[in-house]
Amino acid sequence: MNKHDPGGPEAKVHYGDNEITILRQGTHVRCAVTGEPITLDALRYWSVDLQEAYRGPAEATARWKQTHAEKKS
């Protein structure tokens, strides 16, 4: 398995404040910004409010800016 091909089903996850709860077993989730798979052991960034996962800080920041720009409009 590598980061580009997690080789298994996508997990269904509930994103909490400091933890995730796996609702359906799987090997990965998808980044809400890029669509890339993120293995569960590499998952570090997510939004509790939007219930979305992000590959890294750049994607999380981009999504935050996008959602906050929409609120201002």
PDB file of N, CA and C in Angstrom:
ATOM      1  N   MET A   1       0.850  -1.186   0.000  1.00  0.00           N
ATOM      2  CA  MET A   1       0.000   0.000   0.000  1.00  0.00           C
ATOM      3  C   MET A   1       0.886   1.236   0.000  1.00  0.00           C
ATOM      4  N   ASN A   2       0.504   2.238  -0.785  1.00  0.00           N
ATOM      5  CA  ASN A   2       1.207   3.516  -0.751  1.00  0.00           C
ATOM      6  C   ASN A   2       0.185   4.636  -0.668  1.00  0.00           C
ATOM      7  N   LYS A   3       0.664   5.863  -0.527  1.00  0.00           N
ATOM      8  CA  LYS A   3      -0.258   6.980  -0.308  1.00  0.00           C
ATOM      9  C   LYS A   3      -1.154   7.270  -1.504  1.00  0.00           C
ATOM     10  N   HIS A   4      -0.765   6.822  -2.694  1.00  0.00           N
ATOM     11  CA  HIS A   4      -1.576   7.084  -3.882  1.00  0.00           C
ATOM     12  C   HIS A   4      -2.583   5.974  -4.161  1.00  0.00           C
ATOM     13  N   ASP A   5      -2.369   4.811  -3.579  1.00  0.00           N
ATOM     14  CA  ASP A   5      -3.269   3.681  -3.777  1.00  0.00           C
ATOM     15  C   ASP A   5      -3.450   2.952  -2.454  1.00  0.00           C
ATOM     16  N   PRO A   6      -4.422   3.395  -1.637  1.00  0.00           N
ATOM     17  CA  PRO A   6      -4.584   2.786  -0.324  1.00  0.00           C
ATOM     18  C   PRO A   6      -5.035   1.337  -0.373  1.00  0.00           C
ATOM     19  N   GLY A   7      -5.544   0.861  -1.501  1.00  0.00           N
ATOM     20  CA  GLY A   7      -5.822  -0.542  -1.684  1.00  0.00           C
ATOM     21  C   GLY A   7      -6.922  -1.126  -0.819  1.00  0.00           C
ATOM     22  N   GLY A   8      -7.979  -0.405  -0.602  1.00  0.00           N
ATOM     23  CA  GLY A   8      -9.088  -0.927   0.176  1.00  0.00           C
ATOM     24  C   GLY A   8     -10.283  -0.005   0.099  1.00  0.00           C
ATOM     25  N   PRO A   9     -11.343  -0.364   0.817  1.00  0.00           N
ATOM     26  CA  PRO A   9     -12.557   0.455   0.767  1.00  0.00           C
ATOM     27  C   PRO A   9     -12.396   1.779   1.529  1.00  0.00           C
ATOM     28  N   GLU A  10     -13.203   2.751   1.131  1.00  0.00           N
ATOM     29  CA  GLU A  10     -13.203   4.050   1.805  1.00  0.00           C
ATOM     30  C   GLU A  10     -13.979   3.929   3.115  1.00  0.00           C
ATOM     31  N   ALA A  11     -13.426   4.490   4.172  1.00  0.00           N
ATOM     32  CA  ALA A  11     -14.065   4.467   5.487  1.00  0.00           C
ATOM     33  C   ALA A  11     -15.110   5.575   5.579  1.00  0.00           C
ATOM     34  N   LYS A  12     -16.090   5.378   6.428  1.00  0.00           N
ATOM     35  CA  LYS A  12     -17.046   6.435   6.770  1.00  0.00           C
ATOM     36  C   LYS A  12     -16.705   6.844   8.197  1.00  0.00           C
ATOM     37  N   VAL A  13     -16.476   8.143   8.397  1.00  0.00           N
ATOM     38  CA  VAL A  13     -15.936   8.637   9.660  1.00  0.00           C
ATOM     39  C   VAL A  13     -16.763   9.807  10.173  1.00  0.00           C
ATOM     40  N   HIS A  14     -16.935   9.876  11.486  1.00  0.00           N
ATOM     41  CA  HIS A  14     -17.492  11.068  12.136  1.00  0.00           C
ATOM     42  C   HIS A  14     -16.319  11.812  12.759  1.00  0.00           C
ATOM     43  N   TYR A  15     -16.190  13.096  12.413  1.00  0.00           N
ATOM     44  CA  TYR A  15     -15.071  13.902  12.877  1.00  0.00           C
ATOM     45  C   TYR A  15     -15.475  14.672  14.126  1.00  0.00           C
ATOM     46  N   GLY A  16     -14.819  14.377  15.241  1.00  0.00           N
ATOM     47  CA  GLY A  16     -15.079  15.065  16.497  1.00  0.00           C
ATOM     48  C   GLY A  16     -14.015  16.110  16.775  1.00  0.00           C
ATOM     49  N   ASP A  17     -14.121  16.760  17.930  1.00  0.00           N
ATOM     50  CA  ASP A  17     -13.179  17.822  18.277  1.00  0.00           C
ATOM     51  C   ASP A  17     -11.737  17.333  18.354  1.00  0.00           C
ATOM     52  N   ASN A  18     -11.503  16.226  19.007  1.00  0.00           N
ATOM     53  CA  ASN A  18     -10.131  15.732  19.173  1.00  0.00           C
ATOM     54  C   ASN A  18      -9.958  14.294  18.725  1.00  0.00           C
ATOM     55  N   GLU A  19     -10.990  13.742  18.100  1.00  0.00           N
ATOM     56  CA  GLU A  19     -10.910  12.343  17.705  1.00  0.00           C
ATOM     57  C   GLU A  19     -11.866  12.071  16.560  1.00  0.00           C
ATOM     58  N   ILE A  20     -11.655  10.933  15.922  1.00  0.00           N
ATOM     59  CA  ILE A  20     -12.578  10.483  14.894  1.00  0.00           C
ATOM     60  C   ILE A  20     -13.240   9.198  15.374  1.00  0.00           C
ATOM     61  N   THR A  21     -14.454   8.983  14.915  1.00  0.00           N
ATOM     62  CA  THR A  21     -15.167   7.743  15.190  1.00  0.00           C
ATOM     63  C   THR A  21     -15.416   7.061  13.853  1.00  0.00           C
ATOM     64  N   ILE A  22     -14.949   5.850  13.720  1.00  0.00           N
ATOM     65  CA  ILE A  22     -15.124   5.113  12.472  1.00  0.00           C
ATOM     66  C   ILE A  22     -16.513   4.482  12.474  1.00  0.00           C
ATOM     67  N   LEU A  23     -17.329   4.903  11.513  1.00  0.00           N
ATOM     68  CA  LEU A  23     -18.689   4.406  11.381  1.00  0.00           C
ATOM     69  C   LEU A  23     -18.763   3.200  10.453  1.00  0.00           C
ATOM     70  N   ARG A  24     -17.877   3.172   9.457  1.00  0.00           N
ATOM     71  CA  ARG A  24     -17.780   2.031   8.551  1.00  0.00           C
ATOM     72  C   ARG A  24     -16.295   1.789   8.284  1.00  0.00           C
ATOM     73  N   GLN A  25     -15.855   0.581   8.537  1.00  0.00           N
ATOM     74  CA  GLN A  25     -14.442   0.244   8.372  1.00  0.00           C
ATOM     75  C   GLN A  25     -13.969   0.503   6.951  1.00  0.00           C
ATOM     76  N   GLY A  26     -12.738   0.931   6.845  1.00  0.00           N
ATOM     77  CA  GLY A  26     -12.093   1.161   5.566  1.00  0.00           C
ATOM     78  C   GLY A  26     -10.647   1.521   5.799  1.00  0.00           C
ATOM     79  N   THR A  27      -9.916   1.708   4.734  1.00  0.00           N
ATOM     80  CA  THR A  27      -8.495   2.006   4.845  1.00  0.00           C
ATOM     81  C   THR A  27      -8.183   3.488   4.736  1.00  0.00           C
ATOM     82  N   HIS A  28      -9.135   4.270   4.209  1.00  0.00           N
ATOM     83  CA  HIS A  28      -8.844   5.672   3.939  1.00  0.00           C
ATOM     84  C   HIS A  28     -10.126   6.504   3.876  1.00  0.00           C
ATOM     85  N   VAL A  29      -9.931   7.824   3.853  1.00  0.00           N
ATOM     86  CA  VAL A  29     -10.986   8.790   3.557  1.00  0.00           C
ATOM     87  C   VAL A  29     -10.468   9.663   2.422  1.00  0.00           C
ATOM     88  N   ARG A  30     -11.309  10.503   1.866  1.00  0.00           N
ATOM     89  CA  ARG A  30     -10.908  11.380   0.757  1.00  0.00           C
ATOM     90  C   ARG A  30     -10.767  12.815   1.239  1.00  0.00           C
ATOM     91  N   CYS A  31      -9.744  13.496   0.749  1.00  0.00           N
ATOM     92  CA  CYS A  31      -9.561  14.916   1.030  1.00  0.00           C
ATOM     93  C   CYS A  31     -10.689  15.683   0.343  1.00  0.00           C
ATOM     94  N   ALA A  32     -11.354  16.549   1.088  1.00  0.00           N
ATOM     95  CA  ALA A  32     -12.479  17.314   0.547  1.00  0.00           C
ATOM     96  C   ALA A  32     -12.039  18.346  -0.486  1.00  0.00           C
ATOM     97  N   VAL A  33     -10.785  18.728  -0.475  1.00  0.00           N
ATOM     98  CA  VAL A  33     -10.282  19.738  -1.400  1.00  0.00           C
ATOM     99  C   VAL A  33      -9.700  19.100  -2.660  1.00  0.00           C
ATOM    100  N   THR A  34      -8.856  18.090  -2.489  1.00  0.00           N
ATOM    101  CA  THR A  34      -8.146  17.507  -3.633  1.00  0.00           C
ATOM    102  C   THR A  34      -8.742  16.204  -4.136  1.00  0.00           C
ATOM    103  N   GLY A  35      -9.519  15.534  -3.300  1.00  0.00           N
ATOM    104  CA  GLY A  35     -10.062  14.239  -3.658  1.00  0.00           C
ATOM    105  C   GLY A  35      -9.083  13.093  -3.476  1.00  0.00           C
ATOM    106  N   GLU A  36      -7.874  13.395  -3.021  1.00  0.00           N
ATOM    107  CA  GLU A  36      -6.861  12.364  -2.817  1.00  0.00           C
ATOM    108  C   GLU A  36      -7.208  11.504  -1.602  1.00  0.00           C
ATOM    109  N   PRO A  37      -6.842  10.222  -1.641  1.00  0.00           N
ATOM    110  CA  PRO A  37      -7.073   9.374  -0.474  1.00  0.00           C
ATOM    111  C   PRO A  37      -6.111   9.724   0.659  1.00  0.00           C
ATOM    112  N   ILE A  38      -6.601   9.619   1.881  1.00  0.00           N
ATOM    113  CA  ILE A  38      -5.792   9.833   3.077  1.00  0.00           C
ATOM    114  C   ILE A  38      -5.960   8.588   3.935  1.00  0.00           C
ATOM    115  N   THR A  39      -4.881   7.866   4.180  1.00  0.00           N
ATOM    116  CA  THR A  39      -4.989   6.701   5.049  1.00  0.00           C
ATOM    117  C   THR A  39      -5.381   7.160   6.451  1.00  0.00           C
ATOM    118  N   LEU A  40      -6.116   6.333   7.152  1.00  0.00           N
ATOM    119  CA  LEU A  40      -6.605   6.729   8.475  1.00  0.00           C
ATOM    120  C   LEU A  40      -5.471   7.029   9.441  1.00  0.00           C
ATOM    121  N   ASP A  41      -4.356   6.312   9.324  1.00  0.00           N
ATOM    122  CA  ASP A  41      -3.241   6.586  10.231  1.00  0.00           C
ATOM    123  C   ASP A  41      -2.530   7.895   9.907  1.00  0.00           C
ATOM    124  N   ALA A  42      -2.739   8.446   8.705  1.00  0.00           N
ATOM    125  CA  ALA A  42      -2.141   9.725   8.319  1.00  0.00           C
ATOM    126  C   ALA A  42      -3.100  10.902   8.484  1.00  0.00           C
ATOM    127  N   LEU A  43      -4.337  10.643   8.857  1.00  0.00           N
ATOM    128  CA  LEU A  43      -5.353  11.693   8.978  1.00  0.00           C
ATOM    129  C   LEU A  43      -5.076  12.577  10.185  1.00  0.00           C
ATOM    130  N   ARG A  44      -4.811  13.858   9.943  1.00  0.00           N
ATOM    131  CA  ARG A  44      -4.511  14.808  11.016  1.00  0.00           C
ATOM    132  C   ARG A  44      -5.363  16.078  10.957  1.00  0.00           C
ATOM    133  N   TYR A  45      -5.963  16.349   9.803  1.00  0.00           N
ATOM    134  CA  TYR A  45      -6.697  17.597   9.615  1.00  0.00           C
ATOM    135  C   TYR A  45      -8.121  17.302   9.160  1.00  0.00           C
ATOM    136  N   TRP A  46      -9.096  17.918   9.850  1.00  0.00           N
ATOM    137  CA  TRP A  46     -10.491  17.772   9.466  1.00  0.00           C
ATOM    138  C   TRP A  46     -11.304  18.911  10.039  1.00  0.00           C
ATOM    139  N   SER A  47     -12.524  19.045   9.549  1.00  0.00           N
ATOM    140  CA  SER A  47     -13.460  20.051  10.040  1.00  0.00           C
ATOM    141  C   SER A  47     -14.613  19.346  10.742  1.00  0.00           C
ATOM    142  N   VAL A  48     -14.815  19.687  11.997  1.00  0.00           N
ATOM    143  CA  VAL A  48     -15.944  19.140  12.747  1.00  0.00           C
ATOM    144  C   VAL A  48     -17.239  19.696  12.178  1.00  0.00           C
ATOM    145  N   ASP A  49     -17.268  20.997  11.892  1.00  0.00           N
ATOM    146  CA  ASP A  49     -18.487  21.643  11.391  1.00  0.00           C
ATOM    147  C   ASP A  49     -18.904  21.122  10.019  1.00  0.00           C
ATOM    148  N   LEU A  50     -17.937  20.943   9.128  1.00  0.00           N
ATOM    149  CA  LEU A  50     -18.252  20.499   7.766  1.00  0.00           C
ATOM    150  C   LEU A  50     -18.189  18.987   7.610  1.00  0.00           C
ATOM    151  N   GLN A  51     -17.639  18.290   8.608  1.00  0.00           N
ATOM    152  CA  GLN A  51     -17.457  16.839   8.557  1.00  0.00           C
ATOM    153  C   GLN A  51     -16.687  16.442   7.295  1.00  0.00           C
ATOM    154  N   GLU A  52     -15.518  17.084   7.120  1.00  0.00           N
ATOM    155  CA  GLU A  52     -14.650  16.850   5.973  1.00  0.00           C
ATOM    156  C   GLU A  52     -13.227  16.593   6.448  1.00  0.00           C
ATOM    157  N   ALA A  53     -12.506  15.804   5.667  1.00  0.00           N
ATOM    158  CA  ALA A  53     -11.094  15.525   5.928  1.00  0.00           C
ATOM    159  C   ALA A  53     -10.227  16.318   4.952  1.00  0.00           C
ATOM    160  N   TYR A  54      -9.001  16.634   5.378  1.00  0.00           N
ATOM    161  CA  TYR A  54      -8.052  17.362   4.527  1.00  0.00           C
ATOM    162  C   TYR A  54      -6.691  16.685   4.581  1.00  0.00           C
ATOM    163  N   ARG A  55      -6.012  16.640   3.444  1.00  0.00           N
ATOM    164  CA  ARG A  55      -4.707  15.993   3.358  1.00  0.00           C
ATOM    165  C   ARG A  55      -3.680  16.665   4.267  1.00  0.00           C
ATOM    166  N   GLY A  56      -3.703  17.983   4.354  1.00  0.00           N
ATOM    167  CA  GLY A  56      -2.708  18.686   5.159  1.00  0.00           C
ATOM    168  C   GLY A  56      -3.155  20.088   5.499  1.00  0.00           C
ATOM    169  N   PRO A  57      -2.253  20.858   6.106  1.00  0.00           N
ATOM    170  CA  PRO A  57      -2.629  22.212   6.529  1.00  0.00           C
ATOM    171  C   PRO A  57      -2.964  23.149   5.375  1.00  0.00           C
ATOM    172  N   ALA A  58      -2.321  22.989   4.238  1.00  0.00           N
ATOM    173  CA  ALA A  58      -2.617  23.865   3.092  1.00  0.00           C
ATOM    174  C   ALA A  58      -4.051  23.664   2.616  1.00  0.00           C
ATOM    175  N   GLU A  59      -4.489  22.410   2.526  1.00  0.00           N
ATOM    176  CA  GLU A  59      -5.856  22.109   2.089  1.00  0.00           C
ATOM    177  C   GLU A  59      -6.877  22.571   3.126  1.00  0.00           C
ATOM    178  N   ALA A  60      -6.568  22.367   4.394  1.00  0.00           N
ATOM    179  CA  ALA A  60      -7.478  22.809   5.459  1.00  0.00           C
ATOM    180  C   ALA A  60      -7.628  24.325   5.447  1.00  0.00           C
ATOM    181  N   THR A  61      -6.522  25.031   5.264  1.00  0.00           N
ATOM    182  CA  THR A  61      -6.557  26.494   5.222  1.00  0.00           C
ATOM    183  C   THR A  61      -7.321  26.986   3.995  1.00  0.00           C
ATOM    184  N   ALA A  62      -7.092  26.361   2.862  1.00  0.00           N
ATOM    185  CA  ALA A  62      -7.798  26.759   1.639  1.00  0.00           C
ATOM    186  C   ALA A  62      -9.303  26.593   1.814  1.00  0.00           C
ATOM    187  N   ARG A  63      -9.720  25.480   2.392  1.00  0.00           N
ATOM    188  CA  ARG A  63     -11.157  25.244   2.607  1.00  0.00           C
ATOM    189  C   ARG A  63     -11.731  26.237   3.614  1.00  0.00           C
ATOM    190  N   TRP A  64     -10.968  26.535   4.677  1.00  0.00           N
ATOM    191  CA  TRP A  64     -11.414  27.513   5.669  1.00  0.00           C
ATOM    192  C   TRP A  64     -11.625  28.878   5.013  1.00  0.00           C
ATOM    193  N   LYS A  65     -10.665  29.298   4.194  1.00  0.00           N
ATOM    194  CA  LYS A  65     -10.787  30.588   3.500  1.00  0.00           C
ATOM    195  C   LYS A  65     -11.995  30.583   2.572  1.00  0.00           C
ATOM    196  N   GLN A  66     -12.222  29.477   1.876  1.00  0.00           N
ATOM    197  CA  GLN A  66     -13.350  29.369   0.960  1.00  0.00           C
ATOM    198  C   GLN A  66     -14.673  29.490   1.708  1.00  0.00           C
ATOM    199  N   THR A  67     -14.825  28.774   2.793  1.00  0.00           N
ATOM    200  CA  THR A  67     -16.097  28.796   3.510  1.00  0.00           C
ATOM    201  C   THR A  67     -16.322  30.131   4.208  1.00  0.00           C
ATOM    202  N   HIS A  68     -15.265  30.777   4.671  1.00  0.00           N
ATOM    203  CA  HIS A  68     -15.433  32.065   5.335  1.00  0.00           C
ATOM    204  C   HIS A  68     -15.659  33.192   4.336  1.00  0.00           C
ATOM    205  N   ALA A  69     -15.117  33.060   3.143  1.00  0.00           N
ATOM    206  CA  ALA A  69     -15.380  34.055   2.091  1.00  0.00           C
ATOM    207  C   ALA A  69     -16.835  33.983   1.658  1.00  0.00           C
ATOM    208  N   GLU A  70     -17.404  32.759   1.614  1.00  0.00           N
ATOM    209  CA  GLU A  70     -18.811  32.592   1.244  1.00  0.00           C
ATOM    210  C   GLU A  70     -19.742  33.193   2.292  1.00  0.00           C
ATOM    211  N   LYS A  71     -19.367  33.129   3.546  1.00  0.00           N
ATOM    212  CA  LYS A  71     -20.192  33.691   4.622  1.00  0.00           C
ATOM    213  C   LYS A  71     -20.218  35.211   4.563  1.00  0.00           C
ATOM    214  N   LYS A  72     -19.122  35.821   4.118  1.00  0.00           N
ATOM    215  CA  LYS A  72     -19.034  37.277   4.031  1.00  0.00           C
ATOM    216  C   LYS A  72     -19.817  37.832   2.850  1.00  0.00           C
ATOM    217  N   SER A  73     -20.000  37.014   1.822  1.00  0.00           N
ATOM    218  CA  SER A  73     -20.685  37.468   0.596  1.00  0.00           C
ATOM    219  C   SER A  73     -22.161  37.623   0.791  1.00  0.00           C
TER     220      SER A  73
END
